[in-house]
């Protein structure tokens, strides 16, 4: 059974909503760290890889996972730098 890309985006959106609720209502818990690390280290790269390679047969699972981590580490500092210079 293969997981469809639409389902993975749905899971990412649900985890994002849960993280926002945890940050809002319980800012000092361990769940903030548990959900925050994948939000910074995995999800940005995964969504970018899914946009660049939408077909599942274009990359294997290990390649998709490794590129997701690598692109997240490359993209998140650039987003932070851009946000630093915004008014």
PDB file of N, CA and C in Angstrom:
ATOM      1  N   UNK A   1       0.843  -1.176   0.000  1.00  0.00           N
ATOM      2  CA  UNK A   1       0.000   0.000   0.000  1.00  0.00           C
ATOM      3  C   UNK A   1       0.890   1.242   0.000  1.00  0.00           C
ATOM      4  N   UNK A   2       0.700   2.099  -0.963  1.00  0.00           N
ATOM      5  CA  UNK A   2       1.485   3.328  -1.076  1.00  0.00           C
ATOM      6  C   UNK A   2       0.720   4.484  -0.453  1.00  0.00           C
ATOM      7  N   UNK A   3       1.458   5.384   0.185  1.00  0.00           N
ATOM      8  CA  UNK A   3       0.850   6.572   0.763  1.00  0.00           C
ATOM      9  C   UNK A   3       0.782   7.637  -0.322  1.00  0.00           C
ATOM     10  N   UNK A   4      -0.379   8.207  -0.515  1.00  0.00           N
ATOM     11  CA  UNK A   4      -0.551   9.217  -1.558  1.00  0.00           C
ATOM     12  C   UNK A   4      -0.028  10.562  -1.079  1.00  0.00           C
ATOM     13  N   UNK A   5       0.488  11.378  -2.005  1.00  0.00           N
ATOM     14  CA  UNK A   5       1.022  12.694  -1.611  1.00  0.00           C
ATOM     15  C   UNK A   5      -0.014  13.584  -0.946  1.00  0.00           C
ATOM     16  N   UNK A   6      -1.264  13.484  -1.363  1.00  0.00           N
ATOM     17  CA  UNK A   6      -2.311  14.297  -0.760  1.00  0.00           C
ATOM     18  C   UNK A   6      -2.473  13.958   0.717  1.00  0.00           C
ATOM     19  N   UNK A   7      -2.343  12.678   1.052  1.00  0.00           N
ATOM     20  CA  UNK A   7      -2.455  12.267   2.448  1.00  0.00           C
ATOM     21  C   UNK A   7      -1.285  12.780   3.272  1.00  0.00           C
ATOM     22  N   UNK A   8      -0.103  12.813   2.704  1.00  0.00           N
ATOM     23  CA  UNK A   8       1.043  13.304   3.461  1.00  0.00           C
ATOM     24  C   UNK A   8       0.934  14.803   3.710  1.00  0.00           C
ATOM     25  N   UNK A   9       0.427  15.557   2.742  1.00  0.00           N
ATOM     26  CA  UNK A   9       0.219  16.986   2.966  1.00  0.00           C
ATOM     27  C   UNK A   9      -0.852  17.223   4.017  1.00  0.00           C
ATOM     28  N   UNK A  10      -1.855  16.359   4.036  1.00  0.00           N
ATOM     29  CA  UNK A  10      -2.889  16.456   5.061  1.00  0.00           C
ATOM     30  C   UNK A  10      -2.295  16.229   6.445  1.00  0.00           C
ATOM     31  N   UNK A  11      -1.405  15.248   6.568  1.00  0.00           N
ATOM     32  CA  UNK A  11      -0.748  14.971   7.856  1.00  0.00           C
ATOM     33  C   UNK A  11       0.140  16.143   8.270  1.00  0.00           C
ATOM     34  N   UNK A  12       0.872  16.721   7.333  1.00  0.00           N
ATOM     35  CA  UNK A  12       1.716  17.882   7.638  1.00  0.00           C
ATOM     36  C   UNK A  12       0.859  19.046   8.117  1.00  0.00           C
ATOM     37  N   UNK A  13      -0.273  19.275   7.481  1.00  0.00           N
ATOM     38  CA  UNK A  13      -1.161  20.358   7.902  1.00  0.00           C
ATOM     39  C   UNK A  13      -1.751  20.106   9.285  1.00  0.00           C
ATOM     40  N   UNK A  14      -2.124  18.886   9.571  1.00  0.00           N
ATOM     41  CA  UNK A  14      -2.668  18.553  10.891  1.00  0.00           C
ATOM     42  C   UNK A  14      -1.595  18.747  11.968  1.00  0.00           C
ATOM     43  N   UNK A  15      -0.373  18.287  11.722  1.00  0.00           N
ATOM     44  CA  UNK A  15       0.704  18.465  12.694  1.00  0.00           C
ATOM     45  C   UNK A  15       1.044  19.942  12.893  1.00  0.00           C
ATOM     46  N   UNK A  16       0.944  20.732  11.843  1.00  0.00           N
ATOM     47  CA  UNK A  16       1.173  22.170  11.970  1.00  0.00           C
ATOM     48  C   UNK A  16       0.105  22.810  12.844  1.00  0.00           C
ATOM     49  N   UNK A  17      -1.139  22.433  12.644  1.00  0.00           N
ATOM     50  CA  UNK A  17      -2.224  22.979  13.467  1.00  0.00           C
ATOM     51  C   UNK A  17      -2.068  22.568  14.927  1.00  0.00           C
ATOM     52  N   UNK A  18      -1.667  21.328  15.171  1.00  0.00           N
ATOM     53  CA  UNK A  18      -1.445  20.870  16.545  1.00  0.00           C
ATOM     54  C   UNK A  18      -0.296  21.635  17.187  1.00  0.00           C
ATOM     55  N   UNK A  19       0.774  21.877  16.434  1.00  0.00           N
ATOM     56  CA  UNK A  19       1.905  22.630  16.968  1.00  0.00           C
ATOM     57  C   UNK A  19       1.510  24.064  17.296  1.00  0.00           C
ATOM     58  N   UNK A  20       0.709  24.671  16.463  1.00  0.00           N
ATOM     59  CA  UNK A  20       0.246  26.038  16.752  1.00  0.00           C
ATOM     60  C   UNK A  20      -0.593  26.067  18.018  1.00  0.00           C
ATOM     61  N   UNK A  21      -1.451  25.078  18.191  1.00  0.00           N
ATOM     62  CA  UNK A  21      -2.258  25.009  19.416  1.00  0.00           C
ATOM     63  C   UNK A  21      -1.395  24.786  20.649  1.00  0.00           C
ATOM     64  N   UNK A  22      -0.385  23.928  20.529  1.00  0.00           N
ATOM     65  CA  UNK A  22       0.508  23.667  21.669  1.00  0.00           C
ATOM     66  C   UNK A  22       1.308  24.920  22.017  1.00  0.00           C
ATOM     67  N   UNK A  23       1.805  25.628  21.026  1.00  0.00           N
ATOM     68  CA  UNK A  23       2.562  26.847  21.294  1.00  0.00           C
ATOM     69  C   UNK A  23       1.670  27.902  21.933  1.00  0.00           C
ATOM     70  N   UNK A  24       0.426  27.961  21.511  1.00  0.00           N
ATOM     71  CA  UNK A  24      -0.485  28.970  22.035  1.00  0.00           C
ATOM     72  C   UNK A  24      -0.908  28.676  23.470  1.00  0.00           C
ATOM     73  N   UNK A  25      -1.293  27.443  23.747  1.00  0.00           N
ATOM     74  CA  UNK A  25      -1.901  27.133  25.035  1.00  0.00           C
ATOM     75  C   UNK A  25      -0.974  26.474  26.047  1.00  0.00           C
ATOM     76  N   UNK A  26       0.105  25.844  25.614  1.00  0.00           N
ATOM     77  CA  UNK A  26       1.035  25.189  26.536  1.00  0.00           C
ATOM     78  C   UNK A  26       2.464  25.435  26.061  1.00  0.00           C
ATOM     79  N   UNK A  27       2.998  26.643  26.262  1.00  0.00           N
ATOM     80  CA  UNK A  27       4.285  26.989  25.657  1.00  0.00           C
ATOM     81  C   UNK A  27       5.499  26.298  26.273  1.00  0.00           C
ATOM     82  N   UNK A  28       5.405  25.753  27.459  1.00  0.00           N
ATOM     83  CA  UNK A  28       6.594  25.202  28.084  1.00  0.00           C
ATOM     84  C   UNK A  28       6.651  23.688  28.135  1.00  0.00           C
ATOM     85  N   UNK A  29       5.982  22.996  27.227  1.00  0.00           N
ATOM     86  CA  UNK A  29       5.931  21.542  27.294  1.00  0.00           C
ATOM     87  C   UNK A  29       6.939  20.895  26.350  1.00  0.00           C
ATOM     88  N   UNK A  30       7.166  19.616  26.566  1.00  0.00           N
ATOM     89  CA  UNK A  30       8.090  18.845  25.729  1.00  0.00           C
ATOM     90  C   UNK A  30       7.486  18.585  24.344  1.00  0.00           C
ATOM     91  N   UNK A  31       6.158  18.626  24.234  1.00  0.00           N
ATOM     92  CA  UNK A  31       5.514  18.395  22.941  1.00  0.00           C
ATOM     93  C   UNK A  31       5.864  19.486  21.940  1.00  0.00           C
ATOM     94  N   UNK A  32       6.161  20.661  22.452  1.00  0.00           N
ATOM     95  CA  UNK A  32       6.576  21.753  21.576  1.00  0.00           C
ATOM     96  C   UNK A  32       7.895  21.403  20.885  1.00  0.00           C
ATOM     97  N   UNK A  33       8.801  20.799  21.611  1.00  0.00           N
ATOM     98  CA  UNK A  33      10.092  20.404  21.020  1.00  0.00           C
ATOM     99  C   UNK A  33       9.911  19.215  20.095  1.00  0.00           C
ATOM    100  N   UNK A  34       9.087  18.257  20.510  1.00  0.00           N
ATOM    101  CA  UNK A  34       8.882  17.048  19.709  1.00  0.00           C
ATOM    102  C   UNK A  34       8.260  17.381  18.355  1.00  0.00           C
ATOM    103  N   UNK A  35       7.299  18.284  18.332  1.00  0.00           N
ATOM    104  CA  UNK A  35       6.681  18.661  17.055  1.00  0.00           C
ATOM    105  C   UNK A  35       7.434  19.784  16.351  1.00  0.00           C
ATOM    106  N   UNK A  36       8.195  20.573  17.068  1.00  0.00           N
ATOM    107  CA  UNK A  36       8.911  21.690  16.470  1.00  0.00           C
ATOM    108  C   UNK A  36      10.129  21.280  15.657  1.00  0.00           C
ATOM    109  N   UNK A  37      10.830  20.261  16.101  1.00  0.00           N
ATOM    110  CA  UNK A  37      12.018  19.825  15.362  1.00  0.00           C
ATOM    111  C   UNK A  37      11.695  19.315  13.953  1.00  0.00           C
ATOM    112  N   UNK A  38      10.701  18.446  13.790  1.00  0.00           N
ATOM    113  CA  UNK A  38      10.372  18.073  12.404  1.00  0.00           C
ATOM    114  C   UNK A  38       9.841  19.244  11.594  1.00  0.00           C
ATOM    115  N   UNK A  39       9.181  20.190  12.269  1.00  0.00           N
ATOM    116  CA  UNK A  39       8.652  21.355  11.569  1.00  0.00           C
ATOM    117  C   UNK A  39       9.782  22.198  10.975  1.00  0.00           C
ATOM    118  N   UNK A  40      10.920  22.225  11.623  1.00  0.00           N
ATOM    119  CA  UNK A  40      12.052  23.017  11.125  1.00  0.00           C
ATOM    120  C   UNK A  40      12.998  22.173  10.277  1.00  0.00           C
ATOM    121  N   UNK A  41      13.224  20.919  10.667  1.00  0.00           N
ATOM    122  CA  UNK A  41      14.258  20.108  10.021  1.00  0.00           C
ATOM    123  C   UNK A  41      13.762  19.196   8.901  1.00  0.00           C
ATOM    124  N   UNK A  42      12.448  19.006   8.774  1.00  0.00           N
ATOM    125  CA  UNK A  42      11.976  18.044   7.772  1.00  0.00           C
ATOM    126  C   UNK A  42      10.894  18.592   6.854  1.00  0.00           C
ATOM    127  N   UNK A  43       9.863  19.207   7.395  1.00  0.00           N
ATOM    128  CA  UNK A  43       8.691  19.578   6.602  1.00  0.00           C
ATOM    129  C   UNK A  43       8.966  20.588   5.492  1.00  0.00           C
ATOM    130  N   UNK A  44       9.795  21.625   5.694  1.00  0.00           N
ATOM    131  CA  UNK A  44      10.038  22.537   4.559  1.00  0.00           C
ATOM    132  C   UNK A  44      10.703  21.844   3.372  1.00  0.00           C
ATOM    133  N   UNK A  45      11.673  21.021   3.645  1.00  0.00           N
ATOM    134  CA  UNK A  45      12.338  20.302   2.563  1.00  0.00           C
ATOM    135  C   UNK A  45      11.438  19.271   1.919  1.00  0.00           C
ATOM    136  N   UNK A  46      10.599  18.629   2.715  1.00  0.00           N
ATOM    137  CA  UNK A  46       9.694  17.617   2.165  1.00  0.00           C
ATOM    138  C   UNK A  46       8.671  18.247   1.229  1.00  0.00           C
ATOM    139  N   UNK A  47       8.129  19.386   1.617  1.00  0.00           N
ATOM    140  CA  UNK A  47       7.163  20.031   0.732  1.00  0.00           C
ATOM    141  C   UNK A  47       7.833  20.549  -0.535  1.00  0.00           C
ATOM    142  N   UNK A  48       9.071  21.018  -0.415  1.00  0.00           N
ATOM    143  CA  UNK A  48       9.799  21.469  -1.605  1.00  0.00           C
ATOM    144  C   UNK A  48      10.128  20.296  -2.528  1.00  0.00           C
ATOM    145  N   UNK A  49      10.551  19.177  -1.975  1.00  0.00           N
ATOM    146  CA  UNK A  49      10.827  17.983  -2.779  1.00  0.00           C
ATOM    147  C   UNK A  49       9.553  17.475  -3.431  1.00  0.00           C
ATOM    148  N   UNK A  50       8.448  17.517  -2.707  1.00  0.00           N
ATOM    149  CA  UNK A  50       7.184  17.069  -3.287  1.00  0.00           C
ATOM    150  C   UNK A  50       6.728  17.983  -4.416  1.00  0.00           C
ATOM    151  N   UNK A  51       7.061  19.264  -4.333  1.00  0.00           N
ATOM    152  CA  UNK A  51       6.711  20.184  -5.414  1.00  0.00           C
ATOM    153  C   UNK A  51       7.635  20.006  -6.621  1.00  0.00           C
ATOM    154  N   UNK A  52       8.908  19.728  -6.360  1.00  0.00           N
ATOM    155  CA  UNK A  52       9.857  19.561  -7.458  1.00  0.00           C
ATOM    156  C   UNK A  52       9.724  18.204  -8.145  1.00  0.00           C
ATOM    157  N   UNK A  53       9.446  17.165  -7.378  1.00  0.00           N
ATOM    158  CA  UNK A  53       9.301  15.810  -7.909  1.00  0.00           C
ATOM    159  C   UNK A  53       7.950  15.247  -7.485  1.00  0.00           C
ATOM    160  N   UNK A  54       6.879  15.614  -8.173  1.00  0.00           N
ATOM    161  CA  UNK A  54       5.549  15.202  -7.714  1.00  0.00           C
ATOM    162  C   UNK A  54       5.258  13.715  -7.900  1.00  0.00           C
ATOM    163  N   UNK A  55       5.902  13.067  -8.854  1.00  0.00           N
ATOM    164  CA  UNK A  55       5.643  11.641  -9.058  1.00  0.00           C
ATOM    165  C   UNK A  55       6.439  10.817  -8.052  1.00  0.00           C
ATOM    166  N   UNK A  56       5.819   9.793  -7.528  1.00  0.00           N
ATOM    167  CA  UNK A  56       6.470   8.956  -6.515  1.00  0.00           C
ATOM    168  C   UNK A  56       7.593   8.107  -7.102  1.00  0.00           C
ATOM    169  N   UNK A  57       7.535   7.783  -8.382  1.00  0.00           N
ATOM    170  CA  UNK A  57       8.566   6.918  -8.955  1.00  0.00           C
ATOM    171  C   UNK A  57       9.809   7.687  -9.392  1.00  0.00           C
ATOM    172  N   UNK A  58       9.806   9.014  -9.271  1.00  0.00           N
ATOM    173  CA  UNK A  58      10.981   9.781  -9.670  1.00  0.00           C
ATOM    174  C   UNK A  58      12.103   9.698  -8.634  1.00  0.00           C
ATOM    175  N   UNK A  59      11.773   9.547  -7.362  1.00  0.00           N
ATOM    176  CA  UNK A  59      12.766   9.393  -6.288  1.00  0.00           C
ATOM    177  C   UNK A  59      12.370   8.227  -5.403  1.00  0.00           C
ATOM    178  N   UNK A  60      13.371   7.536  -4.889  1.00  0.00           N
ATOM    179  CA  UNK A  60      13.065   6.474  -3.927  1.00  0.00           C
ATOM    180  C   UNK A  60      12.794   7.103  -2.561  1.00  0.00           C
ATOM    181  N   UNK A  61      12.330   6.288  -1.639  1.00  0.00           N
ATOM    182  CA  UNK A  61      11.996   6.796  -0.314  1.00  0.00           C
ATOM    183  C   UNK A  61      13.197   7.332   0.442  1.00  0.00           C
ATOM    184  N   UNK A  62      14.333   6.653   0.320  1.00  0.00           N
ATOM    185  CA  UNK A  62      15.544   7.095   1.021  1.00  0.00           C
ATOM    186  C   UNK A  62      16.062   8.392   0.419  1.00  0.00           C
ATOM    187  N   UNK A  63      16.037   8.496  -0.906  1.00  0.00           N
ATOM    188  CA  UNK A  63      16.470   9.737  -1.552  1.00  0.00           C
ATOM    189  C   UNK A  63      15.569  10.898  -1.166  1.00  0.00           C
ATOM    190  N   UNK A  64      14.263  10.656  -1.129  1.00  0.00           N
ATOM    191  CA  UNK A  64      13.310  11.702  -0.752  1.00  0.00           C
ATOM    192  C   UNK A  64      13.539  12.142   0.684  1.00  0.00           C
ATOM    193  N   UNK A  65      13.808  11.202   1.582  1.00  0.00           N
ATOM    194  CA  UNK A  65      14.058  11.511   2.991  1.00  0.00           C
ATOM    195  C   UNK A  65      15.348  12.319   3.153  1.00  0.00           C
ATOM    196  N   UNK A  66      16.416  11.883   2.495  1.00  0.00           N
ATOM    197  CA  UNK A  66      17.702  12.584   2.617  1.00  0.00           C
ATOM    198  C   UNK A  66      17.635  13.982   2.009  1.00  0.00           C
ATOM    199  N   UNK A  67      17.019  14.104   0.853  1.00  0.00           N
ATOM    200  CA  UNK A  67      16.893  15.420   0.244  1.00  0.00           C
ATOM    201  C   UNK A  67      15.984  16.335   1.047  1.00  0.00           C
ATOM    202  N   UNK A  68      14.991  15.768   1.717  1.00  0.00           N
ATOM    203  CA  UNK A  68      14.110  16.583   2.555  1.00  0.00           C
ATOM    204  C   UNK A  68      14.874  17.211   3.703  1.00  0.00           C
ATOM    205  N   UNK A  69      15.702  16.426   4.382  1.00  0.00           N
ATOM    206  CA  UNK A  69      16.512  16.982   5.465  1.00  0.00           C
ATOM    207  C   UNK A  69      17.521  18.004   4.938  1.00  0.00           C
ATOM    208  N   UNK A  70      18.174  17.683   3.842  1.00  0.00           N
ATOM    209  CA  UNK A  70      19.175  18.591   3.287  1.00  0.00           C
ATOM    210  C   UNK A  70      18.590  19.913   2.823  1.00  0.00           C
ATOM    211  N   UNK A  71      17.465  19.853   2.121  1.00  0.00           N
ATOM    212  CA  UNK A  71      16.844  21.090   1.666  1.00  0.00           C
ATOM    213  C   UNK A  71      16.267  21.898   2.813  1.00  0.00           C
ATOM    214  N   UNK A  72      15.787  21.234   3.850  1.00  0.00           N
ATOM    215  CA  UNK A  72      15.290  21.976   5.013  1.00  0.00           C
ATOM    216  C   UNK A  72      16.414  22.741   5.686  1.00  0.00           C
ATOM    217  N   UNK A  73      17.559  22.091   5.823  1.00  0.00           N
ATOM    218  CA  UNK A  73      18.701  22.752   6.446  1.00  0.00           C
ATOM    219  C   UNK A  73      19.199  23.906   5.574  1.00  0.00           C
ATOM    220  N   UNK A  74      19.027  23.811   4.262  1.00  0.00           N
ATOM    221  CA  UNK A  74      19.446  24.894   3.372  1.00  0.00           C
ATOM    222  C   UNK A  74      18.418  26.011   3.278  1.00  0.00           C
ATOM    223  N   UNK A  75      17.136  25.692   3.329  1.00  0.00           N
ATOM    224  CA  UNK A  75      16.087  26.674   3.080  1.00  0.00           C
ATOM    225  C   UNK A  75      15.721  27.470   4.331  1.00  0.00           C
ATOM    226  N   UNK A  76      15.669  26.829   5.488  1.00  0.00           N
ATOM    227  CA  UNK A  76      15.217  27.514   6.710  1.00  0.00           C
ATOM    228  C   UNK A  76      16.111  28.703   7.075  1.00  0.00           C
ATOM    229  N   UNK A  77      17.436  28.610   7.024  1.00  0.00           N
ATOM    230  CA  UNK A  77      18.234  29.821   7.295  1.00  0.00           C
ATOM    231  C   UNK A  77      18.004  30.938   6.284  1.00  0.00           C
ATOM    232  N   UNK A  78      17.778  30.589   5.019  1.00  0.00           N
ATOM    233  CA  UNK A  78      17.497  31.616   4.029  1.00  0.00           C
ATOM    234  C   UNK A  78      16.175  32.322   4.311  1.00  0.00           C
ATOM    235  N   UNK A  79      15.168  31.570   4.730  1.00  0.00           N
ATOM    236  CA  UNK A  79      13.888  32.177   5.094  1.00  0.00           C
ATOM    237  C   UNK A  79      14.064  33.077   6.308  1.00  0.00           C
ATOM    238  N   UNK A  80      14.846  32.635   7.291  1.00  0.00           N
ATOM    239  CA  UNK A  80      15.111  33.472   8.464  1.00  0.00           C
ATOM    240  C   UNK A  80      15.852  34.740   8.096  1.00  0.00           C
ATOM    241  N   UNK A  81      16.791  34.654   7.166  1.00  0.00           N
ATOM    242  CA  UNK A  81      17.530  35.838   6.727  1.00  0.00           C
ATOM    243  C   UNK A  81      16.611  36.819   5.999  1.00  0.00           C
ATOM    244  N   UNK A  82      15.756  36.302   5.166  1.00  0.00           N
ATOM    245  CA  UNK A  82      14.804  37.160   4.456  1.00  0.00           C
ATOM    246  C   UNK A  82      13.839  37.804   5.431  1.00  0.00           C
ATOM    247  N   UNK A  83      13.336  37.042   6.408  1.00  0.00           N
ATOM    248  CA  UNK A  83      12.414  37.605   7.387  1.00  0.00           C
ATOM    249  C   UNK A  83      13.087  38.639   8.284  1.00  0.00           C
ATOM    250  N   UNK A  84      14.389  38.513   8.481  1.00  0.00           N
ATOM    251  CA  UNK A  84      15.118  39.481   9.296  1.00  0.00           C
ATOM    252  C   UNK A  84      15.121  40.880   8.665  1.00  0.00           C
ATOM    253  N   UNK A  85      15.160  40.934   7.344  1.00  0.00           N
ATOM    254  CA  UNK A  85      15.225  42.212   6.654  1.00  0.00           C
ATOM    255  C   UNK A  85      13.865  42.735   6.191  1.00  0.00           C
ATOM    256  N   UNK A  86      12.809  42.045   6.538  1.00  0.00           N
ATOM    257  CA  UNK A  86      11.455  42.543   6.233  1.00  0.00           C
ATOM    258  C   UNK A  86      11.034  43.558   7.296  1.00  0.00           C
ATOM    259  N   UNK A  87      10.247  44.532   6.908  1.00  0.00           N
ATOM    260  CA  UNK A  87       9.774  45.509   7.923  1.00  0.00           C
ATOM    261  C   UNK A  87       8.740  44.903   8.871  1.00  0.00           C
TER     262      UNK A  87
END
